Amino acid sequence: FQPGNIDTAKAKQDADLPDNKFFMDEC
């Protein structure tokens, strides 16, 4: 997932579902 031009750190904190735990900059 890539959340777009928003606070990426906050988006990662809000990603509680297993489907959202992979972020592009970490993969």
mmCIF file of all heavy atoms, coordinates in Angstrom:
data_MODEL
# 
_entry.id   MODEL 
# 
loop_
_atom_site.group_PDB 
_atom_site.id 
_atom_site.type_symbol 
_atom_site.label_atom_id 
_atom_site.label_alt_id 
_atom_site.label_comp_id 
_atom_site.label_asym_id 
_atom_site.label_entity_id 
_atom_site.label_seq_id 
_atom_site.pdbx_PDB_ins_code 
_atom_site.Cartn_x 
_atom_site.Cartn_y 
_atom_site.Cartn_z 
_atom_site.occupancy 
_atom_site.B_iso_or_equiv 
_atom_site.pdbx_formal_charge 
_atom_site.auth_seq_id 
_atom_site.auth_comp_id 
_atom_site.auth_asym_id 
_atom_site.auth_atom_id 
_atom_site.pdbx_PDB_model_num 
ATOM 1   N N   . PHE A 1 1  ? 0.819  -1.211 0.000  1.00 0.00 ? 1  PHE A N   1 
ATOM 2   C CA  . PHE A 1 1  ? 0.000  0.000  0.000  1.00 0.00 ? 1  PHE A CA  1 
ATOM 3   C C   . PHE A 1 1  ? 0.856  1.265  0.000  1.00 0.00 ? 1  PHE A C   1 
ATOM 4   O O   . PHE A 1 1  ? 1.947  1.305  0.557  1.00 0.00 ? 1  PHE A O   1 
ATOM 5   C CB  . PHE A 1 1  ? -0.901 -0.031 1.240  1.00 0.00 ? 1  PHE A CB  1 
ATOM 6   C CG  . PHE A 1 1  ? -1.805 1.139  1.396  1.00 0.00 ? 1  PHE A CG  1 
ATOM 7   C CD1 . PHE A 1 1  ? -2.824 1.383  0.501  1.00 0.00 ? 1  PHE A CD1 1 
ATOM 8   C CD2 . PHE A 1 1  ? -1.646 2.006  2.471  1.00 0.00 ? 1  PHE A CD2 1 
ATOM 9   C CE1 . PHE A 1 1  ? -3.678 2.459  0.664  1.00 0.00 ? 1  PHE A CE1 1 
ATOM 10  C CE2 . PHE A 1 1  ? -2.488 3.080  2.646  1.00 0.00 ? 1  PHE A CE2 1 
ATOM 11  C CZ  . PHE A 1 1  ? -3.508 3.309  1.739  1.00 0.00 ? 1  PHE A CZ  1 
ATOM 12  N N   . GLN A 1 2  ? 0.330  2.321  -0.640 1.00 0.00 ? 2  GLN A N   1 
ATOM 13  C CA  . GLN A 1 2  ? 0.927  3.654  -0.584 1.00 0.00 ? 2  GLN A CA  1 
ATOM 14  C C   . GLN A 1 2  ? -0.194 4.649  -0.305 1.00 0.00 ? 2  GLN A C   1 
ATOM 15  O O   . GLN A 1 2  ? -1.109 4.814  -1.111 1.00 0.00 ? 2  GLN A O   1 
ATOM 16  C CB  . GLN A 1 2  ? 1.637  4.012  -1.893 1.00 0.00 ? 2  GLN A CB  1 
ATOM 17  C CG  . GLN A 1 2  ? 2.121  5.441  -1.990 1.00 0.00 ? 2  GLN A CG  1 
ATOM 18  C CD  . GLN A 1 2  ? 3.102  5.812  -0.875 1.00 0.00 ? 2  GLN A CD  1 
ATOM 19  O OE1 . GLN A 1 2  ? 3.869  4.970  -0.442 1.00 0.00 ? 2  GLN A OE1 1 
ATOM 20  N NE2 . GLN A 1 2  ? 3.072  7.044  -0.426 1.00 0.00 ? 2  GLN A NE2 1 
ATOM 21  N N   . PRO A 1 3  ? -0.156 5.331  0.856  1.00 0.00 ? 3  PRO A N   1 
ATOM 22  C CA  . PRO A 1 3  ? -1.295 6.173  1.253  1.00 0.00 ? 3  PRO A CA  1 
ATOM 23  C C   . PRO A 1 3  ? -1.426 7.492  0.526  1.00 0.00 ? 3  PRO A C   1 
ATOM 24  O O   . PRO A 1 3  ? -2.397 8.211  0.737  1.00 0.00 ? 3  PRO A O   1 
ATOM 25  C CB  . PRO A 1 3  ? -1.039 6.403  2.750  1.00 0.00 ? 3  PRO A CB  1 
ATOM 26  C CG  . PRO A 1 3  ? 0.434  6.281  2.899  1.00 0.00 ? 3  PRO A CG  1 
ATOM 27  C CD  . PRO A 1 3  ? 0.866  5.258  1.905  1.00 0.00 ? 3  PRO A CD  1 
ATOM 28  N N   . GLY A 1 4  ? -0.501 7.884  -0.331 1.00 0.00 ? 4  GLY A N   1 
ATOM 29  C CA  . GLY A 1 4  ? -0.609 9.173  -1.009 1.00 0.00 ? 4  GLY A CA  1 
ATOM 30  C C   . GLY A 1 4  ? 0.064  10.274 -0.216 1.00 0.00 ? 4  GLY A C   1 
ATOM 31  O O   . GLY A 1 4  ? 0.815  10.020 0.737  1.00 0.00 ? 4  GLY A O   1 
ATOM 32  N N   . ASN A 1 5  ? -0.192 11.521 -0.568 1.00 0.00 ? 5  ASN A N   1 
ATOM 33  C CA  . ASN A 1 5  ? 0.455  12.669 0.081  1.00 0.00 ? 5  ASN A CA  1 
ATOM 34  C C   . ASN A 1 5  ? -0.227 13.012 1.402  1.00 0.00 ? 5  ASN A C   1 
ATOM 35  O O   . ASN A 1 5  ? -0.853 14.049 1.552  1.00 0.00 ? 5  ASN A O   1 
ATOM 36  C CB  . ASN A 1 5  ? 0.437  13.890 -0.854 1.00 0.00 ? 5  ASN A CB  1 
ATOM 37  C CG  . ASN A 1 5  ? 1.415  13.730 -1.999 1.00 0.00 ? 5  ASN A CG  1 
ATOM 38  O OD1 . ASN A 1 5  ? 2.254  12.838 -1.985 1.00 0.00 ? 5  ASN A OD1 1 
ATOM 39  N ND2 . ASN A 1 5  ? 1.304  14.589 -2.988 1.00 0.00 ? 5  ASN A ND2 1 
ATOM 40  N N   . ILE A 1 6  ? -0.125 12.111 2.350  1.00 0.00 ? 6  ILE A N   1 
ATOM 41  C CA  . ILE A 1 6  ? -0.637 12.357 3.693  1.00 0.00 ? 6  ILE A CA  1 
ATOM 42  C C   . ILE A 1 6  ? 0.450  11.944 4.669  1.00 0.00 ? 6  ILE A C   1 
ATOM 43  O O   . ILE A 1 6  ? 1.543  11.535 4.264  1.00 0.00 ? 6  ILE A O   1 
ATOM 44  C CB  . ILE A 1 6  ? -1.938 11.568 3.967  1.00 0.00 ? 6  ILE A CB  1 
ATOM 45  C CG1 . ILE A 1 6  ? -1.661 10.056 3.875  1.00 0.00 ? 6  ILE A CG1 1 
ATOM 46  C CG2 . ILE A 1 6  ? -3.025 11.965 3.004  1.00 0.00 ? 6  ILE A CG2 1 
ATOM 47  C CD1 . ILE A 1 6  ? -2.846 9.225  4.261  1.00 0.00 ? 6  ILE A CD1 1 
ATOM 48  N N   . ASP A 1 7  ? 0.175  12.044 5.939  1.00 0.00 ? 7  ASP A N   1 
ATOM 49  C CA  . ASP A 1 7  ? 1.134  11.662 6.963  1.00 0.00 ? 7  ASP A CA  1 
ATOM 50  C C   . ASP A 1 7  ? 1.303  10.144 6.945  1.00 0.00 ? 7  ASP A C   1 
ATOM 51  O O   . ASP A 1 7  ? 0.479  9.400  7.465  1.00 0.00 ? 7  ASP A O   1 
ATOM 52  C CB  . ASP A 1 7  ? 0.639  12.125 8.333  1.00 0.00 ? 7  ASP A CB  1 
ATOM 53  C CG  . ASP A 1 7  ? 1.696  11.935 9.414  1.00 0.00 ? 7  ASP A CG  1 
ATOM 54  O OD1 . ASP A 1 7  ? 2.649  11.166 9.181  1.00 0.00 ? 7  ASP A OD1 1 
ATOM 55  O OD2 . ASP A 1 7  ? 1.569  12.567 10.473 1.00 0.00 ? 7  ASP A OD2 1 
ATOM 56  N N   . THR A 1 8  ? 2.386  9.675  6.302  1.00 0.00 ? 8  THR A N   1 
ATOM 57  C CA  . THR A 1 8  ? 2.598  8.235  6.156  1.00 0.00 ? 8  THR A CA  1 
ATOM 58  C C   . THR A 1 8  ? 2.753  7.549  7.496  1.00 0.00 ? 8  THR A C   1 
ATOM 59  O O   . THR A 1 8  ? 2.265  6.431  7.709  1.00 0.00 ? 8  THR A O   1 
ATOM 60  C CB  . THR A 1 8  ? 3.832  7.968  5.281  1.00 0.00 ? 8  THR A CB  1 
ATOM 61  O OG1 . THR A 1 8  ? 3.678  8.653  4.027  1.00 0.00 ? 8  THR A OG1 1 
ATOM 62  C CG2 . THR A 1 8  ? 3.986  6.486  5.008  1.00 0.00 ? 8  THR A CG2 1 
ATOM 63  N N   . ALA A 1 9  ? 3.435  8.199  8.423  1.00 0.00 ? 9  ALA A N   1 
ATOM 64  C CA  . ALA A 1 9  ? 3.631  7.600  9.746  1.00 0.00 ? 9  ALA A CA  1 
ATOM 65  C C   . ALA A 1 9  ? 2.297  7.357  10.433 1.00 0.00 ? 9  ALA A C   1 
ATOM 66  O O   . ALA A 1 9  ? 2.070  6.308  11.041 1.00 0.00 ? 9  ALA A O   1 
ATOM 67  C CB  . ALA A 1 9  ? 4.518  8.504  10.595 1.00 0.00 ? 9  ALA A CB  1 
ATOM 68  N N   . LYS A 1 10 ? 1.394  8.343  10.333 1.00 0.00 ? 10 LYS A N   1 
ATOM 69  C CA  . LYS A 1 10 ? 0.071  8.178  10.940 1.00 0.00 ? 10 LYS A CA  1 
ATOM 70  C C   . LYS A 1 10 ? -0.706 7.070  10.236 1.00 0.00 ? 10 LYS A C   1 
ATOM 71  O O   . LYS A 1 10 ? -1.418 6.293  10.879 1.00 0.00 ? 10 LYS A O   1 
ATOM 72  C CB  . LYS A 1 10 ? -0.716 9.485  10.862 1.00 0.00 ? 10 LYS A CB  1 
ATOM 73  C CG  . LYS A 1 10 ? -2.077 9.423  11.554 1.00 0.00 ? 10 LYS A CG  1 
ATOM 74  C CD  . LYS A 1 10 ? -2.786 10.764 11.459 1.00 0.00 ? 10 LYS A CD  1 
ATOM 75  C CE  . LYS A 1 10 ? -4.115 10.719 12.228 1.00 0.00 ? 10 LYS A CE  1 
ATOM 76  N NZ  . LYS A 1 10 ? -5.003 9.659  11.737 1.00 0.00 ? 10 LYS A NZ  1 
ATOM 77  N N   . ALA A 1 11 ? -0.573 7.008  8.919  1.00 0.00 ? 11 ALA A N   1 
ATOM 78  C CA  . ALA A 1 11 ? -1.278 5.965  8.175  1.00 0.00 ? 11 ALA A CA  1 
ATOM 79  C C   . ALA A 1 11 ? -0.802 4.585  8.612  1.00 0.00 ? 11 ALA A C   1 
ATOM 80  O O   . ALA A 1 11 ? -1.597 3.645  8.700  1.00 0.00 ? 11 ALA A O   1 
ATOM 81  C CB  . ALA A 1 11 ? -1.058 6.155  6.681  1.00 0.00 ? 11 ALA A CB  1 
ATOM 82  N N   . LYS A 1 12 ? 0.478  4.460  8.901  1.00 0.00 ? 12 LYS A N   1 
ATOM 83  C CA  . LYS A 1 12 ? 1.004  3.169  9.342  1.00 0.00 ? 12 LYS A CA  1 
ATOM 84  C C   . LYS A 1 12 ? 0.486  2.821  10.731 1.00 0.00 ? 12 LYS A C   1 
ATOM 85  O O   . LYS A 1 12 ? 0.218  1.658  11.040 1.00 0.00 ? 12 LYS A O   1 
ATOM 86  C CB  . LYS A 1 12 ? 2.531  3.201  9.321  1.00 0.00 ? 12 LYS A CB  1 
ATOM 87  C CG  . LYS A 1 12 ? 3.112  3.275  7.916  1.00 0.00 ? 12 LYS A CG  1 
ATOM 88  C CD  . LYS A 1 12 ? 4.628  3.318  7.945  1.00 0.00 ? 12 LYS A CD  1 
ATOM 89  C CE  . LYS A 1 12 ? 5.200  3.396  6.531  1.00 0.00 ? 12 LYS A CE  1 
ATOM 90  N NZ  . LYS A 1 12 ? 6.675  3.437  6.525  1.00 0.00 ? 12 LYS A NZ  1 
ATOM 91  N N   . GLN A 1 13 ? 0.336  3.813  11.583 1.00 0.00 ? 13 GLN A N   1 
ATOM 92  C CA  . GLN A 1 13 ? -0.204 3.568  12.919 1.00 0.00 ? 13 GLN A CA  1 
ATOM 93  C C   . GLN A 1 13 ? -1.654 3.125  12.859 1.00 0.00 ? 13 GLN A C   1 
ATOM 94  O O   . GLN A 1 13 ? -2.109 2.315  13.671 1.00 0.00 ? 13 GLN A O   1 
ATOM 95  C CB  . GLN A 1 13 ? -0.090 4.830  13.776 1.00 0.00 ? 13 GLN A CB  1 
ATOM 96  C CG  . GLN A 1 13 ? 1.346  5.200  14.137 1.00 0.00 ? 13 GLN A CG  1 
ATOM 97  C CD  . GLN A 1 13 ? 1.419  6.505  14.899 1.00 0.00 ? 13 GLN A CD  1 
ATOM 98  O OE1 . GLN A 1 13 ? 0.401  7.153  15.155 1.00 0.00 ? 13 GLN A OE1 1 
ATOM 99  N NE2 . GLN A 1 13 ? 2.618  6.902  15.280 1.00 0.00 ? 13 GLN A NE2 1 
ATOM 100 N N   . ASP A 1 14 ? -2.379 3.665  11.866 1.00 0.00 ? 14 ASP A N   1 
ATOM 101 C CA  . ASP A 1 14 ? -3.797 3.337  11.734 1.00 0.00 ? 14 ASP A CA  1 
ATOM 102 C C   . ASP A 1 14 ? -4.031 2.029  11.002 1.00 0.00 ? 14 ASP A C   1 
ATOM 103 O O   . ASP A 1 14 ? -5.170 1.567  10.905 1.00 0.00 ? 14 ASP A O   1 
ATOM 104 C CB  . ASP A 1 14 ? -4.541 4.461  11.002 1.00 0.00 ? 14 ASP A CB  1 
ATOM 105 C CG  . ASP A 1 14 ? -4.530 5.756  11.804 1.00 0.00 ? 14 ASP A CG  1 
ATOM 106 O OD1 . ASP A 1 14 ? -4.306 5.682  13.030 1.00 0.00 ? 14 ASP A OD1 1 
ATOM 107 O OD2 . ASP A 1 14 ? -4.724 6.819  11.195 1.00 0.00 ? 14 ASP A OD2 1 
ATOM 108 N N   . ALA A 1 15 ? -2.968 1.445  10.468 1.00 0.00 ? 15 ALA A N   1 
ATOM 109 C CA  . ALA A 1 15 ? -3.108 0.224  9.667  1.00 0.00 ? 15 ALA A CA  1 
ATOM 110 C C   . ALA A 1 15 ? -3.177 -0.994 10.579 1.00 0.00 ? 15 ALA A C   1 
ATOM 111 O O   . ALA A 1 15 ? -2.217 -1.726 10.753 1.00 0.00 ? 15 ALA A O   1 
ATOM 112 C CB  . ALA A 1 15 ? -1.948 0.097  8.680  1.00 0.00 ? 15 ALA A CB  1 
ATOM 113 N N   . ASP A 1 16 ? -4.322 -1.199 11.191 1.00 0.00 ? 16 ASP A N   1 
ATOM 114 C CA  . ASP A 1 16 ? -4.490 -2.300 12.119 1.00 0.00 ? 16 ASP A CA  1 
ATOM 115 C C   . ASP A 1 16 ? -4.781 -3.618 11.406 1.00 0.00 ? 16 ASP A C   1 
ATOM 116 O O   . ASP A 1 16 ? -4.488 -4.690 11.922 1.00 0.00 ? 16 ASP A O   1 
ATOM 117 C CB  . ASP A 1 16 ? -5.630 -2.003 13.098 1.00 0.00 ? 16 ASP A CB  1 
ATOM 118 C CG  . ASP A 1 16 ? -5.320 -0.802 13.981 1.00 0.00 ? 16 ASP A CG  1 
ATOM 119 O OD1 . ASP A 1 16 ? -4.124 -0.591 14.263 1.00 0.00 ? 16 ASP A OD1 1 
ATOM 120 O OD2 . ASP A 1 16 ? -6.262 -0.082 14.367 1.00 0.00 ? 16 ASP A OD2 1 
ATOM 121 N N   . LEU A 1 17 ? -5.374 -3.519 10.223 1.00 0.00 ? 17 LEU A N   1 
ATOM 122 C CA  . LEU A 1 17 ? -5.739 -4.737 9.509  1.00 0.00 ? 17 LEU A CA  1 
ATOM 123 C C   . LEU A 1 17 ? -4.514 -5.371 8.858  1.00 0.00 ? 17 LEU A C   1 
ATOM 124 O O   . LEU A 1 17 ? -3.635 -4.676 8.352  1.00 0.00 ? 17 LEU A O   1 
ATOM 125 C CB  . LEU A 1 17 ? -6.784 -4.420 8.421  1.00 0.00 ? 17 LEU A CB  1 
ATOM 126 C CG  . LEU A 1 17 ? -8.110 -3.848 8.927  1.00 0.00 ? 17 LEU A CG  1 
ATOM 127 C CD1 . LEU A 1 17 ? -9.001 -3.500 7.742  1.00 0.00 ? 17 LEU A CD1 1 
ATOM 128 C CD2 . LEU A 1 17 ? -8.809 -4.833 9.843  1.00 0.00 ? 17 LEU A CD2 1 
ATOM 129 N N   . PRO A 1 18 ? -4.423 -6.696 8.860  1.00 0.00 ? 18 PRO A N   1 
ATOM 130 C CA  . PRO A 1 18 ? -3.280 -7.366 8.220  1.00 0.00 ? 18 PRO A CA  1 
ATOM 131 C C   . PRO A 1 18 ? -3.131 -7.000 6.753  1.00 0.00 ? 18 PRO A C   1 
ATOM 132 O O   . PRO A 1 18 ? -2.033 -6.950 6.224  1.00 0.00 ? 18 PRO A O   1 
ATOM 133 C CB  . PRO A 1 18 ? -3.631 -8.855 8.385  1.00 0.00 ? 18 PRO A CB  1 
ATOM 134 C CG  . PRO A 1 18 ? -4.545 -8.910 9.552  1.00 0.00 ? 18 PRO A CG  1 
ATOM 135 C CD  . PRO A 1 18 ? -5.336 -7.627 9.518  1.00 0.00 ? 18 PRO A CD  1 
ATOM 136 N N   . ASP A 1 19 ? -4.264 -6.684 6.089  1.00 0.00 ? 19 ASP A N   1 
ATOM 137 C CA  . ASP A 1 19 ? -4.213 -6.339 4.671  1.00 0.00 ? 19 ASP A CA  1 
ATOM 138 C C   . ASP A 1 19 ? -3.451 -5.054 4.427  1.00 0.00 ? 19 ASP A C   1 
ATOM 139 O O   . ASP A 1 19 ? -2.950 -4.818 3.334  1.00 0.00 ? 19 ASP A O   1 
ATOM 140 C CB  . ASP A 1 19 ? -5.651 -6.206 4.137  1.00 0.00 ? 19 ASP A CB  1 
ATOM 141 C CG  . ASP A 1 19 ? -5.681 -5.969 2.643  1.00 0.00 ? 19 ASP A CG  1 
ATOM 142 O OD1 . ASP A 1 19 ? -4.993 -6.708 1.915  1.00 0.00 ? 19 ASP A OD1 1 
ATOM 143 O OD2 . ASP A 1 19 ? -6.395 -5.056 2.208  1.00 0.00 ? 19 ASP A OD2 1 
ATOM 144 N N   . ASN A 1 20 ? -3.331 -4.197 5.433  1.00 0.00 ? 20 ASN A N   1 
ATOM 145 C CA  . ASN A 1 20 ? -2.697 -2.892 5.252  1.00 0.00 ? 20 ASN A CA  1 
ATOM 146 C C   . ASN A 1 20 ? -1.300 -2.806 5.870  1.00 0.00 ? 20 ASN A C   1 
ATOM 147 O O   . ASN A 1 20 ? -0.748 -1.733 5.976  1.00 0.00 ? 20 ASN A O   1 
ATOM 148 C CB  . ASN A 1 20 ? -3.573 -1.794 5.894  1.00 0.00 ? 20 ASN A CB  1 
ATOM 149 C CG  . ASN A 1 20 ? -4.817 -1.520 5.073  1.00 0.00 ? 20 ASN A CG  1 
ATOM 150 O OD1 . ASN A 1 20 ? -4.851 -1.850 3.906  1.00 0.00 ? 20 ASN A OD1 1 
ATOM 151 N ND2 . ASN A 1 20 ? -5.819 -0.939 5.686  1.00 0.00 ? 20 ASN A ND2 1 
ATOM 152 N N   . LYS A 1 21 ? -0.732 -3.908 6.287  1.00 0.00 ? 21 LYS A N   1 
ATOM 153 C CA  . LYS A 1 21 ? 0.525  -3.828 7.025  1.00 0.00 ? 21 LYS A CA  1 
ATOM 154 C C   . LYS A 1 21 ? 1.755  -3.698 6.126  1.00 0.00 ? 21 LYS A C   1 
ATOM 155 O O   . LYS A 1 21 ? 2.836  -3.422 6.622  1.00 0.00 ? 21 LYS A O   1 
ATOM 156 C CB  . LYS A 1 21 ? 0.680  -5.037 7.939  1.00 0.00 ? 21 LYS A CB  1 
ATOM 157 C CG  . LYS A 1 21 ? 0.943  -6.346 7.211  1.00 0.00 ? 21 LYS A CG  1 
ATOM 158 C CD  . LYS A 1 21 ? 1.125  -7.469 8.232  1.00 0.00 ? 21 LYS A CD  1 
ATOM 159 C CE  . LYS A 1 21 ? 1.422  -8.791 7.559  1.00 0.00 ? 21 LYS A CE  1 
ATOM 160 N NZ  . LYS A 1 21 ? 1.593  -9.883 8.543  1.00 0.00 ? 21 LYS A NZ  1 
ATOM 161 N N   . PHE A 1 22 ? 1.590  -3.875 4.800  1.00 0.00 ? 22 PHE A N   1 
ATOM 162 C CA  . PHE A 1 22 ? 2.724  -3.754 3.887  1.00 0.00 ? 22 PHE A CA  1 
ATOM 163 C C   . PHE A 1 22 ? 2.699  -2.378 3.225  1.00 0.00 ? 22 PHE A C   1 
ATOM 164 O O   . PHE A 1 22 ? 1.718  -2.016 2.581  1.00 0.00 ? 22 PHE A O   1 
ATOM 165 C CB  . PHE A 1 22 ? 2.680  -4.849 2.813  1.00 0.00 ? 22 PHE A CB  1 
ATOM 166 C CG  . PHE A 1 22 ? 2.859  -6.235 3.352  1.00 0.00 ? 22 PHE A CG  1 
ATOM 167 C CD1 . PHE A 1 22 ? 1.773  -7.076 3.506  1.00 0.00 ? 22 PHE A CD1 1 
ATOM 168 C CD2 . PHE A 1 22 ? 4.116  -6.693 3.722  1.00 0.00 ? 22 PHE A CD2 1 
ATOM 169 C CE1 . PHE A 1 22 ? 1.927  -8.354 4.003  1.00 0.00 ? 22 PHE A CE1 1 
ATOM 170 C CE2 . PHE A 1 22 ? 4.288  -7.972 4.225  1.00 0.00 ? 22 PHE A CE2 1 
ATOM 171 C CZ  . PHE A 1 22 ? 3.184  -8.805 4.373  1.00 0.00 ? 22 PHE A CZ  1 
ATOM 172 N N   . PHE A 1 23 ? 3.798  -1.619 3.405  1.00 0.00 ? 23 PHE A N   1 
ATOM 173 C CA  . PHE A 1 23 ? 3.915  -0.305 2.794  1.00 0.00 ? 23 PHE A CA  1 
ATOM 174 C C   . PHE A 1 23 ? 5.051  -0.306 1.777  1.00 0.00 ? 23 PHE A C   1 
ATOM 175 O O   . PHE A 1 23 ? 6.086  -0.954 1.977  1.00 0.00 ? 23 PHE A O   1 
ATOM 176 C CB  . PHE A 1 23 ? 4.155  0.773  3.854  1.00 0.00 ? 23 PHE A CB  1 
ATOM 177 C CG  . PHE A 1 23 ? 2.934  1.089  4.663  1.00 0.00 ? 23 PHE A CG  1 
ATOM 178 C CD1 . PHE A 1 23 ? 2.598  0.327  5.767  1.00 0.00 ? 23 PHE A CD1 1 
ATOM 179 C CD2 . PHE A 1 23 ? 2.104  2.140  4.302  1.00 0.00 ? 23 PHE A CD2 1 
ATOM 180 C CE1 . PHE A 1 23 ? 1.464  0.606  6.501  1.00 0.00 ? 23 PHE A CE1 1 
ATOM 181 C CE2 . PHE A 1 23 ? 0.966  2.425  5.034  1.00 0.00 ? 23 PHE A CE2 1 
ATOM 182 C CZ  . PHE A 1 23 ? 0.643  1.655  6.144  1.00 0.00 ? 23 PHE A CZ  1 
ATOM 183 N N   . MET A 1 24 ? 4.850  0.430  0.689  1.00 0.00 ? 24 MET A N   1 
ATOM 184 C CA  . MET A 1 24 ? 5.779  0.378  -0.437 1.00 0.00 ? 24 MET A CA  1 
ATOM 185 C C   . MET A 1 24 ? 7.214  0.711  -0.042 1.00 0.00 ? 24 MET A C   1 
ATOM 186 O O   . MET A 1 24 ? 8.154  0.065  -0.523 1.00 0.00 ? 24 MET A O   1 
ATOM 187 C CB  . MET A 1 24 ? 5.308  1.327  -1.542 1.00 0.00 ? 24 MET A CB  1 
ATOM 188 C CG  . MET A 1 24 ? 4.023  0.911  -2.232 1.00 0.00 ? 24 MET A CG  1 
ATOM 189 S SD  . MET A 1 24 ? 3.636  2.023  -3.608 1.00 0.00 ? 24 MET A SD  1 
ATOM 190 C CE  . MET A 1 24 ? 2.002  1.471  -4.050 1.00 0.00 ? 24 MET A CE  1 
ATOM 191 N N   . ASP A 1 25 ? 7.395  1.722  0.802  1.00 0.00 ? 25 ASP A N   1 
ATOM 192 C CA  . ASP A 1 25 ? 8.757  2.146  1.131  1.00 0.00 ? 25 ASP A CA  1 
ATOM 193 C C   . ASP A 1 25 ? 9.476  1.151  2.037  1.00 0.00 ? 25 ASP A C   1 
ATOM 194 O O   . ASP A 1 25 ? 10.684 1.245  2.234  1.00 0.00 ? 25 ASP A O   1 
ATOM 195 C CB  . ASP A 1 25 ? 8.744  3.535  1.775  1.00 0.00 ? 25 ASP A CB  1 
ATOM 196 C CG  . ASP A 1 25 ? 7.957  3.576  3.070  1.00 0.00 ? 25 ASP A CG  1 
ATOM 197 O OD1 . ASP A 1 25 ? 7.097  2.691  3.270  1.00 0.00 ? 25 ASP A OD1 1 
ATOM 198 O OD2 . ASP A 1 25 ? 8.196  4.491  3.879  1.00 0.00 ? 25 ASP A OD2 1 
ATOM 199 N N   . GLU A 1 26 ? 8.752  0.166  2.572  1.00 0.00 ? 26 GLU A N   1 
ATOM 200 C CA  . GLU A 1 26 ? 9.361  -0.841 3.436  1.00 0.00 ? 26 GLU A CA  1 
ATOM 201 C C   . GLU A 1 26 ? 9.545  -2.176 2.732  1.00 0.00 ? 26 GLU A C   1 
ATOM 202 O O   . GLU A 1 26 ? 10.147 -3.094 3.300  1.00 0.00 ? 26 GLU A O   1 
ATOM 203 C CB  . GLU A 1 26 ? 8.491  -1.054 4.676  1.00 0.00 ? 26 GLU A CB  1 
ATOM 204 C CG  . GLU A 1 26 ? 8.341  0.183  5.546  1.00 0.00 ? 26 GLU A CG  1 
ATOM 205 C CD  . GLU A 1 26 ? 7.397  -0.052 6.706  1.00 0.00 ? 26 GLU A CD  1 
ATOM 206 O OE1 . GLU A 1 26 ? 6.660  -1.063 6.671  1.00 0.00 ? 26 GLU A OE1 1 
ATOM 207 O OE2 . GLU A 1 26 ? 7.385  0.771  7.642  1.00 0.00 ? 26 GLU A OE2 1 
ATOM 208 N N   . CYS A 1 27 ? 9.047  -2.301 1.509  1.00 0.00 ? 27 CYS A N   1 
ATOM 209 C CA  . CYS A 1 27 ? 9.046  -3.587 0.806  1.00 0.00 ? 27 CYS A CA  1 
ATOM 210 C C   . CYS A 1 27 ? 10.062 -3.589 -0.335 1.00 0.00 ? 27 CYS A C   1 
ATOM 211 O O   . CYS A 1 27 ? 9.886  -2.886 -1.342 1.00 0.00 ? 27 CYS A O   1 
ATOM 212 C CB  . CYS A 1 27 ? 7.653  -3.889 0.271  1.00 0.00 ? 27 CYS A CB  1 
ATOM 213 S SG  . CYS A 1 27 ? 6.406  -4.081 1.559  1.00 0.00 ? 27 CYS A SG  1 
# 
